[in-house]
Amino acid sequence: MQSQNPLIADFVKLANSAAGTFAGMTREAREGARERVKEAMGGMDFVSREEFDAVKAMASKAREENEKLAERLAALEAKLADS
């Protein structure tokens, strides 16, 4: 049921316009924020999970080899000290 009062009708039109404007501003702000985050993240160097796992495996292998070499060196030094 529509109101016959033009003042109320004008107020309803104004409220609808304000709601539409607010929705547009919200959408624009959200898109702007998303774009700023995208630009900020684009400047950073991120690696994929596969690359991270590969480097982690390489580091683990290098650590194990280092420990073996340290044990071997200690054995050689002990052998040399006994001589």
C-alpha atoms as a PDB file:
ATOM      1  CA  MET A   1       0.000   0.000   0.000  1.00  0.00           C
ATOM      2  CA  GLN A   2       1.511   3.320  -1.065  1.00  0.00           C
ATOM      3  CA  SER A   3       1.279   6.419   1.013  1.00  0.00           C
ATOM      4  CA  GLN A   4      -0.659   9.360  -0.379  1.00  0.00           C
ATOM      5  CA  ASN A   5       1.544  11.753   1.531  1.00  0.00           C
ATOM      6  CA  PRO A   6       4.188  13.208  -0.856  1.00  0.00           C
ATOM      7  CA  LEU A   7       6.521  13.995   2.036  1.00  0.00           C
ATOM      8  CA  ILE A   8       6.637  10.329   3.075  1.00  0.00           C
ATOM      9  CA  ALA A   9       7.046   9.230  -0.559  1.00  0.00           C
ATOM     10  CA  ASP A  10       9.974  11.634  -0.990  1.00  0.00           C
ATOM     11  CA  PHE A  11      11.520  10.374   2.243  1.00  0.00           C
ATOM     12  CA  VAL A  12      11.223   6.751   1.054  1.00  0.00           C
ATOM     13  CA  LYS A  13      12.859   7.665  -2.281  1.00  0.00           C
ATOM     14  CA  LEU A  14      15.665   9.427  -0.417  1.00  0.00           C
ATOM     15  CA  ALA A  15      16.188   6.432   1.883  1.00  0.00           C
ATOM     16  CA  ASN A  16      16.287   4.036  -1.096  1.00  0.00           C
ATOM     17  CA  SER A  17      18.790   6.255  -2.886  1.00  0.00           C
ATOM     18  CA  ALA A  18      20.956   6.488   0.208  1.00  0.00           C
ATOM     19  CA  ALA A  19      20.879   2.695   0.651  1.00  0.00           C
ATOM     20  CA  GLY A  20      21.916   2.205  -2.992  1.00  0.00           C
ATOM     21  CA  THR A  21      24.715   4.739  -2.653  1.00  0.00           C
ATOM     22  CA  PHE A  22      25.931   3.129   0.559  1.00  0.00           C
ATOM     23  CA  ALA A  23      25.929  -0.324  -1.057  1.00  0.00           C
ATOM     24  CA  GLY A  24      27.949   1.045  -3.982  1.00  0.00           C
ATOM     25  CA  MET A  25      30.446   2.718  -1.673  1.00  0.00           C
ATOM     26  CA  THR A  26      30.843  -0.495   0.307  1.00  0.00           C
ATOM     27  CA  ARG A  27      31.451  -2.515  -2.847  1.00  0.00           C
ATOM     28  CA  GLU A  28      33.954   0.046  -4.132  1.00  0.00           C
ATOM     29  CA  ALA A  29      35.819   0.134  -0.798  1.00  0.00           C
ATOM     30  CA  ARG A  30      35.989  -3.666  -0.700  1.00  0.00           C
ATOM     31  CA  GLU A  31      37.350  -3.843  -4.245  1.00  0.00           C
ATOM     32  CA  GLY A  32      39.877  -1.096  -3.504  1.00  0.00           C
ATOM     33  CA  ALA A  33      41.106  -2.870  -0.377  1.00  0.00           C
ATOM     34  CA  ARG A  34      41.361  -6.157  -2.254  1.00  0.00           C
ATOM     35  CA  GLU A  35      43.412  -4.452  -4.993  1.00  0.00           C
ATOM     36  CA  ARG A  36      45.774  -2.840  -2.444  1.00  0.00           C
ATOM     37  CA  VAL A  37      46.382  -6.192  -0.728  1.00  0.00           C
ATOM     38  CA  LYS A  38      46.959  -7.827  -4.102  1.00  0.00           C
ATOM     39  CA  GLU A  39      49.558  -5.167  -5.013  1.00  0.00           C
ATOM     40  CA  ALA A  40      51.288  -5.504  -1.632  1.00  0.00           C
ATOM     41  CA  MET A  41      51.450  -9.281  -1.890  1.00  0.00           C
ATOM     42  CA  GLY A  42      52.687  -9.102  -5.479  1.00  0.00           C
ATOM     43  CA  GLY A  43      55.887  -7.393  -4.364  1.00  0.00           C
ATOM     44  CA  MET A  44      56.772 -10.189  -1.970  1.00  0.00           C
ATOM     45  CA  ASP A  45      58.618 -13.307  -2.949  1.00  0.00           C
ATOM     46  CA  PHE A  46      56.601 -16.322  -1.930  1.00  0.00           C
ATOM     47  CA  VAL A  47      57.485 -19.913  -2.700  1.00  0.00           C
ATOM     48  CA  SER A  48      55.174 -22.765  -3.450  1.00  0.00           C
ATOM     49  CA  ARG A  49      54.695 -25.604  -0.994  1.00  0.00           C
ATOM     50  CA  GLU A  50      56.552 -27.963  -3.345  1.00  0.00           C
ATOM     51  CA  GLU A  51      59.583 -25.659  -3.477  1.00  0.00           C
ATOM     52  CA  PHE A  52      59.569 -25.308   0.311  1.00  0.00           C
ATOM     53  CA  ASP A  53      59.388 -29.069   0.818  1.00  0.00           C
ATOM     54  CA  ALA A  54      62.206 -29.633  -1.702  1.00  0.00           C
ATOM     55  CA  VAL A  55      64.516 -27.166   0.075  1.00  0.00           C
ATOM     56  CA  LYS A  56      63.569 -28.640   3.444  1.00  0.00           C
ATOM     57  CA  ALA A  57      64.520 -32.124   2.208  1.00  0.00           C
ATOM     58  CA  MET A  58      67.816 -30.799   0.823  1.00  0.00           C
ATOM     59  CA  ALA A  59      68.624 -29.144   4.161  1.00  0.00           C
ATOM     60  CA  SER A  60      67.827 -32.348   6.042  1.00  0.00           C
ATOM     61  CA  LYS A  61      70.069 -34.367   3.740  1.00  0.00           C
ATOM     62  CA  ALA A  62      72.887 -31.831   4.087  1.00  0.00           C
ATOM     63  CA  ARG A  63      72.543 -31.944   7.883  1.00  0.00           C
ATOM     64  CA  GLU A  64      72.787 -35.743   7.882  1.00  0.00           C
ATOM     65  CA  GLU A  65      75.857 -35.644   5.619  1.00  0.00           C
ATOM     66  CA  ASN A  66      77.424 -33.017   7.869  1.00  0.00           C
ATOM     67  CA  GLU A  67      76.904 -35.243  10.917  1.00  0.00           C
ATOM     68  CA  LYS A  68      78.447 -38.242   9.105  1.00  0.00           C
ATOM     69  CA  LEU A  69      81.451 -36.157   8.059  1.00  0.00           C
ATOM     70  CA  ALA A  70      81.860 -34.857  11.618  1.00  0.00           C
ATOM     71  CA  GLU A  71      81.879 -38.445  12.936  1.00  0.00           C
ATOM     72  CA  ARG A  72      84.346 -39.490  10.234  1.00  0.00           C
ATOM     73  CA  LEU A  73      86.607 -36.544  11.041  1.00  0.00           C
ATOM     74  CA  ALA A  74      86.502 -37.356  14.760  1.00  0.00           C
ATOM     75  CA  ALA A  75      87.439 -40.974  14.001  1.00  0.00           C
ATOM     76  CA  LEU A  76      90.338 -39.891  11.791  1.00  0.00           C
ATOM     77  CA  GLU A  77      91.550 -37.423  14.409  1.00  0.00           C
ATOM     78  CA  ALA A  78      91.382 -40.120  17.093  1.00  0.00           C
ATOM     79  CA  LYS A  79      93.283 -42.513  14.836  1.00  0.00           C
ATOM     80  CA  LEU A  80      95.898 -39.839  14.170  1.00  0.00           C
ATOM     81  CA  ALA A  81      96.234 -39.067  17.906  1.00  0.00           C
ATOM     82  CA  ASP A  82      96.849 -42.788  18.651  1.00  0.00           C
ATOM     83  CA  SER A  83      99.695 -42.915  16.165  1.00  0.00           C
END
